[in-house]
Structure formats: C-alpha cells, structure tokens
C-alpha cells in the first residue's frame, strides 16, 4: 500500500481522534480500517509482531463507542450499557493494556471469574451487555493452554444463543482475534468460521516493520 492510500486519523469522528498520537495509520491498520471501524464483522488477523495489531483492537472499541456519538458530533456515553472484553494468555500483557486503555478509553473489569461462575450465581446480566470480545495470541487455541480460551469463547457463544439473550447485545457479539504466528491460511480460515459462524473474515498479512534511526541534521 502506497503512502497516498494510508488512512488518516482524521477519518475518525472528532471525539475519537485524540485516541491516537499519530496522524496516519500504517499499512496494516489502513488495510483493516474499514472492516474494523465501519463494520461489525468477526475477524481473525495474522500479522507480524510490531505491525500495530493493538490499534485494530482500538478501532473495534471505537466502533462500539461510536454508538454514543450524538447527532451534533458529541460523545455521550452511558456507563455500563455496553462491554468490551480483552482476553490474553499473559497477565503482564493484560495489565499493560489495562493501563493504556484506562488512559484512552476508561476502566475495564475482571472477566474470567464471571465466565466460570456467573451462570450459577445468577449474573447473566453481566453477559447481556457484552458487545465485543478481543482475543490476543489466538494461536494458543492449538496449545495445551488453549482449553481455557476455547471454554471462555464457547460459553460466551452458548449464552448469546440462549432465548433470554435474544434482544441483547450479546446475541450479536463481535469477535476480533489476532496473532503473529498462525502459519497457514487454512488454519486461519477455519478459526474465523468458528468465531463467526458465517459472518467472518480471515486476514493474513505479511507486512514487515523496520525501525530505522535517521540522522539528525
């Protein structure tokens, strides 16, 4: 993608532009911009480390928050009406995202304990507002540690199909899963179908990111 095709941060609604400290999205982010921010399609994305996949998460979150943009262009959010969930195999990575997104997007809560025990405790109201599930390092589904992730996703999907959730955001929950190490497109496509059940796209991008120190003149 040439520099003239890069998406600008100014393509976002005005209240969201300060989320990003740069003016233009990179090639990966520009390639996925419309799918992330202008649609609700489920996606599985494989792209190299350092290519900016976190921004794709943020674009999907902003898509969710765009439901609170008023007709005059202001952001008017009713706290607690919609939820986005971030899942990662690393506590350190979760804490890193928590700090970053607390600054950019507000506070996040704990999820896994409610996933395991919420149904028995009568906490289905927590699930009903889940609109977006973000999954990092999704290749771990094929790892022994992937059983917990598979269980979480399966429970979310199962609860979303229940009759009492028919008119809630959870019934149409969106999944975005990313990884740097899904080796072949067949695995990627199969994973996308599992998340999306007919409403999904898989994207394998081979962008290479180089850091070059420029001389100061």
Protein backbone atom coordinates (compact mmCIF):
# COMPACT_ATOMS: atom_id res chain seq x y z
CA UNK A 1 0.00 0.00 0.00
CA UNK A 2 1.49 3.34 -1.02
CA UNK A 3 1.59 6.36 1.26
CA UNK A 4 -1.29 8.00 -0.59
CA UNK A 5 -3.59 5.11 0.39
CA UNK A 6 -2.93 5.32 4.12
CA UNK A 7 -5.94 6.16 6.24
CA UNK A 8 -5.76 9.34 8.28
CA UNK A 9 -6.76 9.59 11.93
CA UNK A 10 -8.93 12.49 10.76
CA UNK A 11 -11.14 9.86 9.08
CA UNK A 12 -12.44 9.10 12.58
CA UNK A 13 -15.20 11.14 14.25
CA UNK A 14 -13.75 14.16 16.01
CA UNK A 15 -14.20 12.88 19.61
CA UNK A 16 -12.02 9.84 18.83
CA UNK A 17 -9.08 11.47 17.09
CA UNK A 18 -7.16 12.19 20.29
CA UNK A 19 -7.04 8.44 20.97
CA UNK A 20 -4.03 8.19 18.67
CA UNK A 21 -0.80 10.16 18.90
CA UNK A 22 -0.02 9.83 15.17
CA UNK A 23 -1.62 11.33 12.06
CA UNK A 24 -1.78 8.32 9.75
CA UNK A 25 -2.45 4.63 10.27
CA UNK A 26 0.20 2.28 8.93
CA UNK A 27 -0.34 -0.16 6.05
CA UNK A 28 -1.81 -2.97 8.16
CA UNK A 29 -4.11 -0.62 10.05
CA UNK A 30 -5.21 1.15 6.86
CA UNK A 31 -5.90 -2.19 5.16
CA UNK A 32 -8.19 -3.23 8.03
CA UNK A 33 -9.62 0.21 8.87
CA UNK A 34 -12.99 -0.15 7.15
CA UNK A 35 -13.58 -3.70 8.37
CA UNK A 36 -12.70 -2.75 11.96
CA UNK A 37 -14.39 0.64 12.24
CA UNK A 38 -17.17 0.59 9.65
CA UNK A 39 -18.50 -2.96 10.09
CA UNK A 40 -19.34 -5.49 12.77
CA UNK A 41 -17.81 -8.48 11.01
CA UNK A 42 -15.89 -11.04 13.07
CA UNK A 43 -12.20 -11.16 12.16
CA UNK A 44 -9.11 -13.28 12.71
CA UNK A 45 -5.93 -11.44 11.75
CA UNK A 46 -2.42 -12.82 11.46
CA UNK A 47 0.33 -10.23 11.12
CA UNK A 48 3.93 -9.92 12.36
CA UNK A 49 4.92 -8.68 15.80
CA UNK A 50 5.33 -4.91 15.76
CA UNK A 51 2.89 -4.35 12.90
CA UNK A 52 0.35 -2.46 15.02
CA UNK A 53 -2.34 -5.03 15.78
CA UNK A 54 -3.28 -3.30 19.06
CA UNK A 55 -4.61 -0.37 17.04
CA UNK A 56 -7.02 -2.80 15.35
CA UNK A 57 -8.39 -3.66 18.79
CA UNK A 58 -8.78 0.04 19.49
CA UNK A 59 -10.58 0.70 16.21
CA UNK A 60 -13.10 -2.02 17.08
CA UNK A 61 -13.58 -0.49 20.53
CA UNK A 62 -14.13 2.90 18.94
CA UNK A 63 -16.65 1.30 16.58
CA UNK A 64 -18.53 0.16 19.67
CA UNK A 65 -18.27 3.59 21.29
CA UNK A 66 -19.43 5.30 18.09
CA UNK A 67 -22.95 4.22 19.03
CA UNK A 68 -22.78 7.04 21.58
CA UNK A 69 -21.96 9.82 19.12
CA UNK A 70 -24.83 12.32 19.12
CA UNK A 71 -26.25 13.98 16.01
CA UNK A 72 -24.22 17.10 16.72
CA UNK A 73 -20.99 15.06 16.86
CA UNK A 74 -20.53 14.91 20.63
CA UNK A 75 -19.64 11.77 22.57
CA UNK A 76 -22.34 10.99 25.12
CA UNK A 77 -21.63 7.69 26.87
CA UNK A 78 -23.97 5.92 29.28
CA UNK A 79 -21.64 3.91 31.50
CA UNK A 80 -22.31 0.19 31.74
CA UNK A 81 -24.61 -0.13 28.73
CA UNK A 82 -22.09 -2.00 26.54
CA UNK A 83 -19.00 -4.04 27.38
CA UNK A 84 -15.81 -4.96 25.55
CA UNK A 85 -13.73 -7.88 26.84
CA UNK A 86 -9.99 -8.34 26.28
CA UNK A 87 -8.50 -11.84 26.64
CA UNK A 88 -4.78 -12.60 26.68
CA UNK A 89 -2.67 -15.56 27.88
CA UNK A 90 -0.32 -13.20 29.72
CA UNK A 91 -1.22 -11.32 32.91
CA UNK A 92 1.54 -8.83 32.14
CA UNK A 93 0.01 -8.10 28.73
CA UNK A 94 -3.44 -7.68 30.28
CA UNK A 95 -2.04 -5.20 32.81
CA UNK A 96 -0.24 -3.32 30.05
CA UNK A 97 -3.46 -3.00 28.04
CA UNK A 98 -5.37 -2.09 31.19
CA UNK A 99 -3.06 0.84 31.91
CA UNK A 100 -3.10 2.03 28.30
CA UNK A 101 -6.83 1.73 27.77
CA UNK A 102 -7.66 3.23 31.16
CA UNK A 103 -5.97 6.37 29.90
CA UNK A 104 -7.55 6.24 26.44
CA UNK A 105 -10.91 4.58 26.87
CA UNK A 106 -11.91 4.29 30.53
CA UNK A 107 -11.89 1.48 33.07
CA UNK A 108 -12.08 -2.27 32.42
CA UNK A 109 -13.24 -5.05 34.72
CA UNK A 110 -12.35 -8.64 35.53
CA UNK A 111 -13.99 -11.25 33.33
CA UNK A 112 -12.85 -14.83 33.74
CA UNK A 113 -14.32 -15.37 37.22
CA UNK A 114 -17.75 -14.33 35.97
CA UNK A 115 -17.38 -16.60 32.96
CA UNK A 116 -16.84 -19.61 35.20
CA UNK A 117 -19.34 -18.88 37.93
CA UNK A 118 -21.72 -16.23 36.62
CA UNK A 119 -24.45 -18.57 35.40
CA UNK A 120 -24.79 -20.37 38.75
CA UNK A 121 -24.65 -17.07 40.61
CA UNK A 122 -27.45 -15.56 38.52
CA UNK A 123 -25.14 -12.99 36.93
CA UNK A 124 -26.42 -13.26 33.36
CA UNK A 125 -26.95 -9.50 33.35
CA UNK A 126 -23.17 -9.14 33.12
CA UNK A 127 -23.12 -11.12 29.89
CA UNK A 128 -26.09 -9.40 28.25
CA UNK A 129 -24.15 -6.18 27.63
CA UNK A 130 -21.06 -7.81 26.08
CA UNK A 131 -20.77 -6.49 22.52
CA UNK A 132 -17.12 -7.08 21.68
CA UNK A 133 -14.55 -9.76 22.54
CA UNK A 134 -10.88 -9.06 21.74
CA UNK A 135 -8.52 -12.03 21.78
CA UNK A 136 -4.73 -11.71 21.73
CA UNK A 137 -2.35 -14.54 20.75
CA UNK A 138 -5.25 -16.60 19.43
CA UNK A 139 -2.87 -19.24 18.03
CA UNK A 140 -2.80 -20.65 21.57
CA UNK A 141 -6.12 -22.34 20.80
CA UNK A 142 -3.98 -25.18 19.47
CA UNK A 143 -1.76 -25.11 22.57
CA UNK A 144 -2.48 -27.07 25.80
CA UNK A 145 -3.25 -23.71 27.41
CA UNK A 146 -5.88 -23.06 24.76
CA UNK A 147 -8.53 -25.11 26.55
CA UNK A 148 -9.36 -22.20 28.86
CA UNK A 149 -9.68 -19.79 25.94
CA UNK A 150 -11.85 -22.22 23.99
CA UNK A 151 -14.08 -22.68 27.05
CA UNK A 152 -14.50 -18.92 27.51
CA UNK A 153 -15.39 -18.31 23.86
CA UNK A 154 -17.73 -21.31 23.77
CA UNK A 155 -19.55 -20.12 26.90
CA UNK A 156 -19.97 -16.63 25.50
CA UNK A 157 -21.40 -18.03 22.27
CA UNK A 158 -23.64 -20.51 24.10
CA UNK A 159 -25.09 -17.84 26.40
CA UNK A 160 -25.55 -15.49 23.44
CA UNK A 161 -27.74 -18.10 21.73
CA UNK A 162 -30.00 -18.57 24.76
CA UNK A 163 -33.61 -17.27 24.43
CA UNK A 164 -33.25 -14.74 27.26
CA UNK A 165 -30.39 -13.06 25.39
CA UNK A 166 -32.24 -12.75 22.08
CA UNK A 167 -32.68 -8.96 22.24
CA UNK A 168 -29.38 -8.13 23.97
CA UNK A 169 -26.01 -7.04 22.54
CA UNK A 170 -24.58 -10.47 23.40
CA UNK A 171 -26.81 -12.10 20.77
CA UNK A 172 -24.74 -10.26 18.14
CA UNK A 173 -21.37 -10.25 19.92
CA UNK A 174 -18.38 -9.46 17.74
CA UNK A 175 -15.03 -11.26 17.93
CA UNK A 176 -11.66 -9.89 16.84
CA UNK A 177 -8.76 -12.30 17.30
CA UNK A 178 -5.14 -11.55 16.40
CA UNK A 179 -1.87 -13.45 16.31
CA UNK A 180 1.63 -13.17 14.91
CA UNK A 181 2.07 -16.91 14.41
CA UNK A 182 -0.79 -18.58 12.53
CA UNK A 183 1.29 -20.34 9.86
CA UNK A 184 -1.18 -21.21 7.12
CA UNK A 185 -4.29 -19.66 5.64
CA UNK A 186 -6.35 -22.86 6.04
CA UNK A 187 -6.00 -22.76 9.84
CA UNK A 188 -6.80 -19.06 9.76
CA UNK A 189 -9.97 -19.54 7.72
CA UNK A 190 -11.15 -22.43 9.91
CA UNK A 191 -10.61 -20.35 13.03
CA UNK A 192 -12.53 -17.42 11.52
CA UNK A 193 -15.50 -19.66 10.75
CA UNK A 194 -15.51 -20.97 14.33
CA UNK A 195 -15.69 -17.43 15.71
CA UNK A 196 -18.06 -16.03 13.13
CA UNK A 197 -20.28 -18.93 12.04
CA UNK A 198 -20.85 -17.43 8.59
CA UNK A 199 -20.14 -13.76 9.39
CA UNK A 200 -16.37 -13.71 9.50
CA UNK A 201 -13.23 -12.79 7.62
CA UNK A 202 -9.68 -14.06 7.98
CA UNK A 203 -6.76 -11.82 7.08
CA UNK A 204 -3.13 -12.93 6.78
CA UNK A 205 -0.79 -10.02 6.25
CA UNK A 206 2.94 -10.29 5.70
CA UNK A 207 3.96 -6.71 6.34
CA UNK A 208 7.46 -6.30 7.66
CA UNK A 209 8.17 -3.43 10.01
CA UNK A 210 11.65 -1.97 10.15
CA UNK A 211 12.87 0.57 12.70
CA UNK A 212 15.45 2.88 11.17
CA UNK A 213 17.35 5.50 13.12
CA UNK A 214 17.52 8.61 10.97
CA UNK A 215 20.41 11.07 11.27
CA UNK A 216 19.60 14.44 12.79
CA UNK A 217 20.65 17.34 10.59
